[in-house]
PDB file of N, CA and C in Angstrom:
ATOM      1  N   MET A   1       0.836  -1.199   0.000  1.00  0.00           N
ATOM      2  CA  MET A   1       0.000   0.000   0.000  1.00  0.00           C
ATOM      3  C   MET A   1       0.874   1.253   0.000  1.00  0.00           C
ATOM      4  N   SER A   2       1.907   1.214   0.826  1.00  0.00           N
ATOM      5  CA  SER A   2       2.807   2.363   0.940  1.00  0.00           C
ATOM      6  C   SER A   2       3.530   2.610  -0.382  1.00  0.00           C
ATOM      7  N   ASP A   3       3.950   1.514  -1.041  1.00  0.00           N
ATOM      8  CA  ASP A   3       4.626   1.659  -2.325  1.00  0.00           C
ATOM      9  C   ASP A   3       3.713   2.274  -3.375  1.00  0.00           C
ATOM     10  N   ALA A   4       2.462   1.864  -3.384  1.00  0.00           N
ATOM     11  CA  ALA A   4       1.511   2.391  -4.353  1.00  0.00           C
ATOM     12  C   ALA A   4       1.288   3.885  -4.133  1.00  0.00           C
ATOM     13  N   LYS A   5       1.185   4.300  -2.873  1.00  0.00           N
ATOM     14  CA  LYS A   5       0.993   5.723  -2.570  1.00  0.00           C
ATOM     15  C   LYS A   5       2.219   6.533  -2.971  1.00  0.00           C
ATOM     16  N   ALA A   6       3.403   6.016  -2.697  1.00  0.00           N
ATOM     17  CA  ALA A   6       4.648   6.712  -3.055  1.00  0.00           C
ATOM     18  C   ALA A   6       4.778   6.797  -4.565  1.00  0.00           C
ATOM     19  N   ASP A   7       4.408   5.707  -5.259  1.00  0.00           N
ATOM     20  CA  ASP A   7       4.462   5.693  -6.723  1.00  0.00           C
ATOM     21  C   ASP A   7       3.500   6.725  -7.303  1.00  0.00           C
ATOM     22  N   GLU A   8       2.305   6.785  -6.746  1.00  0.00           N
ATOM     23  CA  GLU A   8       1.300   7.758  -7.205  1.00  0.00           C
ATOM     24  C   GLU A   8       1.785   9.182  -6.970  1.00  0.00           C
ATOM     25  N   LYS A   9       2.401   9.406  -5.813  1.00  0.00           N
ATOM     26  CA  LYS A   9       2.907  10.738  -5.481  1.00  0.00           C
ATOM     27  C   LYS A   9       4.027  11.149  -6.440  1.00  0.00           C
ATOM     28  N   SER A  10       4.928  10.217  -6.757  1.00  0.00           N
ATOM     29  CA  SER A  10       6.030  10.543  -7.663  1.00  0.00           C
ATOM     30  C   SER A  10       5.511  10.764  -9.084  1.00  0.00           C
ATOM     31  N   LYS A  11       4.498   9.990  -9.494  1.00  0.00           N
ATOM     32  CA  LYS A  11       3.905  10.200 -10.821  1.00  0.00           C
ATOM     33  C   LYS A  11       3.248  11.569 -10.907  1.00  0.00           C
ATOM     34  N   ARG A  12       2.529  11.949  -9.849  1.00  0.00           N
ATOM     35  CA  ARG A  12       1.863  13.245  -9.836  1.00  0.00           C
ATOM     36  C   ARG A  12       2.888  14.381  -9.863  1.00  0.00           C
ATOM     37  N   LYS A  13       3.987  14.214  -9.103  1.00  0.00           N
ATOM     38  CA  LYS A  13       5.031  15.235  -9.059  1.00  0.00           C
ATOM     39  C   LYS A  13       5.687  15.387 -10.425  1.00  0.00           C
ATOM     40  N   SER A  14       6.004  14.277 -11.079  1.00  0.00           N
ATOM     41  CA  SER A  14       6.638  14.352 -12.392  1.00  0.00           C
ATOM     42  C   SER A  14       5.680  14.952 -13.424  1.00  0.00           C
ATOM     43  N   MET A  15       4.386  14.652 -13.292  1.00  0.00           N
ATOM     44  CA  MET A  15       3.403  15.228 -14.207  1.00  0.00           C
ATOM     45  C   MET A  15       3.322  16.741 -14.021  1.00  0.00           C
ATOM     46  N   MET A  16       3.369  17.211 -12.767  1.00  0.00           N
ATOM     47  CA  MET A  16       3.305  18.648 -12.507  1.00  0.00           C
ATOM     48  C   MET A  16       4.552  19.354 -13.046  1.00  0.00           C
ATOM     49  N   ILE A  17       5.718  18.727 -12.850  1.00  0.00           N
ATOM     50  CA  ILE A  17       6.958  19.314 -13.369  1.00  0.00           C
ATOM     51  C   ILE A  17       6.893  19.409 -14.887  1.00  0.00           C
ATOM     52  N   ARG A  18       6.409  18.345 -15.543  1.00  0.00           N
ATOM     53  CA  ARG A  18       6.291  18.349 -17.002  1.00  0.00           C
ATOM     54  C   ARG A  18       5.307  19.421 -17.456  1.00  0.00           C
ATOM     55  N   ALA A  19       4.198  19.586 -16.741  1.00  0.00           N
ATOM     56  CA  ALA A  19       3.212  20.606 -17.108  1.00  0.00           C
ATOM     57  C   ALA A  19       3.811  21.999 -16.982  1.00  0.00           C
ATOM     58  N   VAL A  20       4.572  22.248 -15.901  1.00  0.00           N
ATOM     59  CA  VAL A  20       5.203  23.558 -15.729  1.00  0.00           C
ATOM     60  C   VAL A  20       6.199  23.825 -16.853  1.00  0.00           C
ATOM     61  N   ILE A  21       6.972  22.804 -17.230  1.00  0.00           N
ATOM     62  CA  ILE A  21       7.940  22.975 -18.324  1.00  0.00           C
ATOM     63  C   ILE A  21       7.216  23.265 -19.626  1.00  0.00           C
ATOM     64  N   TYR A  22       6.145  22.532 -19.931  1.00  0.00           N
ATOM     65  CA  TYR A  22       5.401  22.762 -21.164  1.00  0.00           C
ATOM     66  C   TYR A  22       4.783  24.158 -21.187  1.00  0.00           C
ATOM     67  N   ILE A  23       4.216  24.597 -20.063  1.00  0.00           N
ATOM     68  CA  ILE A  23       3.597  25.917 -20.000  1.00  0.00           C
ATOM     69  C   ILE A  23       4.653  27.001 -20.187  1.00  0.00           C
ATOM     70  N   ALA A  24       5.803  26.851 -19.524  1.00  0.00           N
ATOM     71  CA  ALA A  24       6.886  27.830 -19.656  1.00  0.00           C
ATOM     72  C   ALA A  24       7.391  27.876 -21.097  1.00  0.00           C
ATOM     73  N   ALA A  25       7.569  26.704 -21.713  1.00  0.00           N
ATOM     74  CA  ALA A  25       8.058  26.656 -23.090  1.00  0.00           C
ATOM     75  C   ALA A  25       7.052  27.299 -24.040  1.00  0.00           C
ATOM     76  N   THR A  26       5.772  27.086 -23.808  1.00  0.00           N
ATOM     77  CA  THR A  26       4.745  27.690 -24.650  1.00  0.00           C
ATOM     78  C   THR A  26       4.769  29.213 -24.516  1.00  0.00           C
ATOM     79  N   HIS A  27       4.962  29.714 -23.301  1.00  0.00           N
ATOM     80  CA  HIS A  27       5.023  31.163 -23.102  1.00  0.00           C
ATOM     81  C   HIS A  27       6.269  31.759 -23.760  1.00  0.00           C
ATOM     82  N   VAL A  28       7.385  31.055 -23.674  1.00  0.00           N
ATOM     83  CA  VAL A  28       8.609  31.540 -24.331  1.00  0.00           C
ATOM     84  C   VAL A  28       8.400  31.584 -25.841  1.00  0.00           C
ATOM     85  N   TRP A  29       7.799  30.539 -26.402  1.00  0.00           N
ATOM     86  CA  TRP A  29       7.542  30.491 -27.849  1.00  0.00           C
ATOM     87  C   TRP A  29       6.590  31.605 -28.268  1.00  0.00           C
ATOM     88  N   ALA A  30       5.528  31.825 -27.487  1.00  0.00           N
ATOM     89  CA  ALA A  30       4.570  32.884 -27.810  1.00  0.00           C
ATOM     90  C   ALA A  30       5.240  34.251 -27.717  1.00  0.00           C
ATOM     91  N   GLY A  31       6.082  34.458 -26.722  1.00  0.00           N
ATOM     92  CA  GLY A  31       6.805  35.722 -26.594  1.00  0.00           C
ATOM     93  C   GLY A  31       7.728  35.943 -27.776  1.00  0.00           C
ATOM     94  N   PHE A  32       8.383  34.891 -28.237  1.00  0.00           N
ATOM     95  CA  PHE A  32       9.252  34.997 -29.408  1.00  0.00           C
ATOM     96  C   PHE A  32       8.449  35.362 -30.652  1.00  0.00           C
ATOM     97  N   MET A  33       7.278  34.747 -30.816  1.00  0.00           N
ATOM     98  CA  MET A  33       6.437  35.069 -31.974  1.00  0.00           C
ATOM     99  C   MET A  33       5.968  36.522 -31.923  1.00  0.00           C
ATOM    100  N   ILE A  34       5.567  36.997 -30.741  1.00  0.00           N
ATOM    101  CA  ILE A  34       5.159  38.387 -30.590  1.00  0.00           C
ATOM    102  C   ILE A  34       6.317  39.309 -30.942  1.00  0.00           C
ATOM    103  N   LEU A  35       7.517  38.951 -30.483  1.00  0.00           N
ATOM    104  CA  LEU A  35       8.709  39.742 -30.812  1.00  0.00           C
ATOM    105  C   LEU A  35       8.931  39.791 -32.313  1.00  0.00           C
ATOM    106  N   LEU A  36       8.782  38.658 -32.984  1.00  0.00           N
ATOM    107  CA  LEU A  36       8.973  38.620 -34.438  1.00  0.00           C
ATOM    108  C   LEU A  36       7.944  39.506 -35.145  1.00  0.00           C
ATOM    109  N   PHE A  37       6.676  39.430 -34.736  1.00  0.00           N
ATOM    110  CA  PHE A  37       5.656  40.250 -35.361  1.00  0.00           C
ATOM    111  C   PHE A  37       5.897  41.728 -35.088  1.00  0.00           C
ATOM    112  N   THR A  38       6.350  42.055 -33.872  1.00  0.00           N
ATOM    113  CA  THR A  38       6.615  43.454 -33.514  1.00  0.00           C
ATOM    114  C   THR A  38       7.766  43.991 -34.356  1.00  0.00           C
ATOM    115  N   LEU A  39       8.826  43.196 -34.492  1.00  0.00           N
ATOM    116  CA  LEU A  39       9.954  43.641 -35.299  1.00  0.00           C
ATOM    117  C   LEU A  39       9.598  43.675 -36.788  1.00  0.00           C
ATOM    118  N   GLY A  40       8.698  42.801 -37.209  1.00  0.00           N
ATOM    119  CA  GLY A  40       8.285  42.771 -38.599  1.00  0.00           C
ATOM    120  C   GLY A  40       7.452  43.974 -39.010  1.00  0.00           C
ATOM    121  N   LYS A  41       6.772  44.606 -38.056  1.00  0.00           N
ATOM    122  CA  LYS A  41       5.951  45.764 -38.363  1.00  0.00           C
ATOM    123  C   LYS A  41       6.811  47.000 -38.691  1.00  0.00           C
ATOM    124  N   ARG A  42       8.037  47.009 -38.191  1.00  0.00           N
ATOM    125  CA  ARG A  42       8.906  48.180 -38.409  1.00  0.00           C
ATOM    126  C   ARG A  42       9.350  48.281 -39.845  1.00  0.00           C
TER     127      ARG A  42
END
């Protein structure tokens, strides 16, 4: 039982870390695209 709970906790933690990385990467990509469009308007 203890192993299953620890496994579930580690899976949830790794999923949260992956979600934070994906969200951060998406924001960086969107910021880069905005920068490109802003520079392209000049």
